[in-house]
Amino acid sequence: MTDSFQKVKVYGQLPSERFGHTMTYIEKGKAILFGGKECQIQDTTNSTGIYRFAEDIFSLDILTKQWNSVKVQGTVPKPRAAHAAVCIEINQIVIYGGETGGGSLASDDLYLLDLRSADDIGEWSVVSVVGITPGRRYGHTLTYSKPFLIIFGGSTGQEPINDCWCINVEKNPFVWVKIECQSEQPMARVYHSASVCTNDVANETLIIFGGRSKDQQALNDTWALKRHRDGRWDWMRIIYKPDKEQPKGRYQHTSLFFYSMLFIIGGKTGNLNEMLTINVFDTQTQEWSKFKSIQRFKHSSWIVETNIFIYGGFGLSSPDIPTGAISLINLNNLLLPSKPLSNKLAQYALKNPRSTASCRTQNCQIITQKPYIKNQVEPSFKFSNQAIVAEEHNQSKSQNKKPMPPQIVQLKNIADLFLNKLLQPKTILNLQENTKFLFKAQDIILLCDQAEAIIKEQPILLRCNAPIKIFGDIYGQYSDLMRFFDLWGSPFLDGKDGDIEAFDYMFLGNFVDRGSHSLETICLLLALKVRYPDSIHLIRGNHEDKQINNQFGFSEECAMRLNEDPNADDSVFARVNRLFEWLPLAAIVEGKAFCVHGGIGGFLAYATQIENIKRPLEIVHEVTNYEEQIVIDILWSDPTDSDADFGIQPNLTRDPNGNSNLVKFGPDRVIQFLLVNQLNLIIRSHECVMDGFERFAGGQLLTVNSTIDECGKHKNKGAILVIKKNLEIVPKLIDPKPYNSNNWIENDESINDRSPLSPHWKNQSQRRCYK
């Protein structure tokens, strides 16, 4: 599929392929699948199927893409298709009508499914209604414009009809009332669509489009039903501009509103092989536009943020065999050919970020939506007016934490031995390569034992306080780490505590590989962790993974400098990687800044989902469930290339063949994640950026990289981020300078499997902000 259309990978208990069903979004963040027809027998010789009515009910978690079967009790409605469903109040769904087989139609009862009690458990009941009903029908629409449920059109089994009925769900007893209008009315039709516009000048107006007429014609007209303050209802036909684009007539399609834009998706005409575009009607300009589309009819669709999801129905290639696939249409990419609509979409998305609880569905129109958030949360973090570039005489000053008297270190444990040897920033700035490591293998293993014992007792999602220094990728460039400690302060220096009483330290992964001194780097960090267990925070990166560091340098370094077999179970290489499986995956600073190696991808909805991940954690690269995908997102995902690129996109740079579920996430995804989790900022590493740090999503995501002239090839600056007690963020930079910096990967092109990116500027305008 293209960037606009993607197939969604789902997990769990998968429902059968079907058509003529409904999917209805509820406040629990799930879409409920009910009814439809499924294939009982498939004849592959002529691509036809013998159908039966689906009796089961499923829920799809919108965030995790997990299907689950819903257990129900009470007065269960008869299985049906071509019915209509809609959500009323929180986690309650009503259905009406449909066909039940053998030429019979479903009863005229209004059924209620109550899902409020527990996840994936529901109770059916029949809503008690006084008086006459709209009667039996199928292919009609059921929508909600508070406080009215509205039924329009459909077929009685003999012919299409055009009557309209409503019921006020806030008045007891419930009574169906036929809507009588003095104005011109839409002609009779079946398999049309209806959607309620809840924004713009057409607020709470019901819009119907298309359908099939009595003479089997595909209609392309659009009508608006509006209720006046005095209680009168009126139909109004929307007149198309003759010199502008006009929609193609169709039926068995769906329609959805995104603010002032009405999207017409799929359907078919009298010509089965005719390809249909997505038509978009802008209620502000009264103009239609058309865009490329996937072909589907008798399907269902719903919208979440700026993504439309399509489930089930038929495609043109197999018009008799339904599909069970879910396709995603990214509206940001879809509307790119139209600058007015694309700009309008971007304004809506950024000015009014929404959670998934505000998504809408069709053929099942959402009723109760959470209010749109009109303003972004005021950030509690302040970005410094300038980044500070180190000079050789610069020294770090402790600030904001109460200083503690320095103490002379006694050699009481293995950590002190490593610190006194390795943490000498004034003298160790350019180590020779390929030399024998200073420490024996048994010393390193003992250090790992002590560090792992501490890390195992700490949570997989850390909670940290400011002031704090945050480091990005180090990649075994040990001399760079020494330069940062020399110029911007060190936690331990000359046998004494350094600025550790003034600052916590956080390292965002990728400690090993590529550089030529991974052993010094990881041993120093582990020694610091043992020495200061509550002040040194080591976050796991994508290279803290045996499958990765076995091919990017760490394995080779251990073999050469320790004279060991890395494949042996008792090797240092194996022991360090077992420790990596216990490292935390993320941290939250001051309850507001989410710190992670890679990003949030497309699956991580809540930071607290990380707390459910069990350790020791071995990274699964062939993903089979959503939890494994969340881990891949955390370690491997990147922001999109600019603030203008929205949604979730395949990460073709890291994964050109699209085989590894690697994605990029847009600024809309960042804003939504921050709002849902009540956070202000994401800080991550995982990419080499030329200025050492970079802003994304209007400054709500920061990328920091602490390698200087990464691998001796890119001449990039290195940076750390210092978060002060008042939550001011100060980038501290070091310019590259000539010195030998070889690495274990002589030819990057020789390893194509998820190779790290070259340095880049995502946004040229942001690059100029700090020099």
Foldseek 3Di string as FASTA:
>chain_A
DDQQKDFDDAAEDFDAFFFQWEWEDFLVQKTKIAKGKAFPDADVVVLFGDIAIDDWMWIARNQFRYIDTAAEDEDRFAHFGQWFKADDDGQKMWIAKGPHDPLHIGFGWIKMWHDPPDPRYTYIDTQDEDDDGPTHFGQWAWACLPQKIKIAWGDPSPFIDGWMWIWGPVDPPTYIDTADAPDDGDAGFGQKEWAAACADPSHRKIKIAWGAHRVRFQGGWIWIWDADPVGHIYIDTQDADPVADGADGFGQWYWYDDRQKIWIAAGAGPDLQDAHWIWIAGNVVRGIDTWHHFHFGSWKWKDFQQKIKIAKGDHSVSNNHIDGIIMIGRNLVGCVVPPVVNVVSLCCLLQFFDARQQMAIPPYGYHDGDDTDRHFDDFLFAADLFFAEFDQPAEADFDDFDDDDKDFDDPPDLLLVLCVVQQELVPPQFDDFLAADPDAFVSLLRLLVLLLVLLLVAFLEAEAEDQAKEAAADAQNSNLVSSCCNRHHDCDYDRIGISLSRYAYEYAENQHFWFRHSVSRVSNLSSVCSVPVRRYAYAYAPCLACVNVVPRAPQVNQCRNNVDHLVDCSGSVNSSSLSSLSHRAWYHYPLAEIEGAAAQASNNQEPCVSRPDDPSDHQDQQDNGSVSLRSCRRHAEHAPLAQSDAAKGAPCQLPVPSRGNYIHHHLSSLSNSCVVHVHQAYEYELAAAQAQKFAHSVRRYMYGHSYACRQVPAQGKHWMWGQHNSNYIHIYIYGDDDDDIHTPCPDQVVDSNRGGDHHDHSDPVRVPSYD
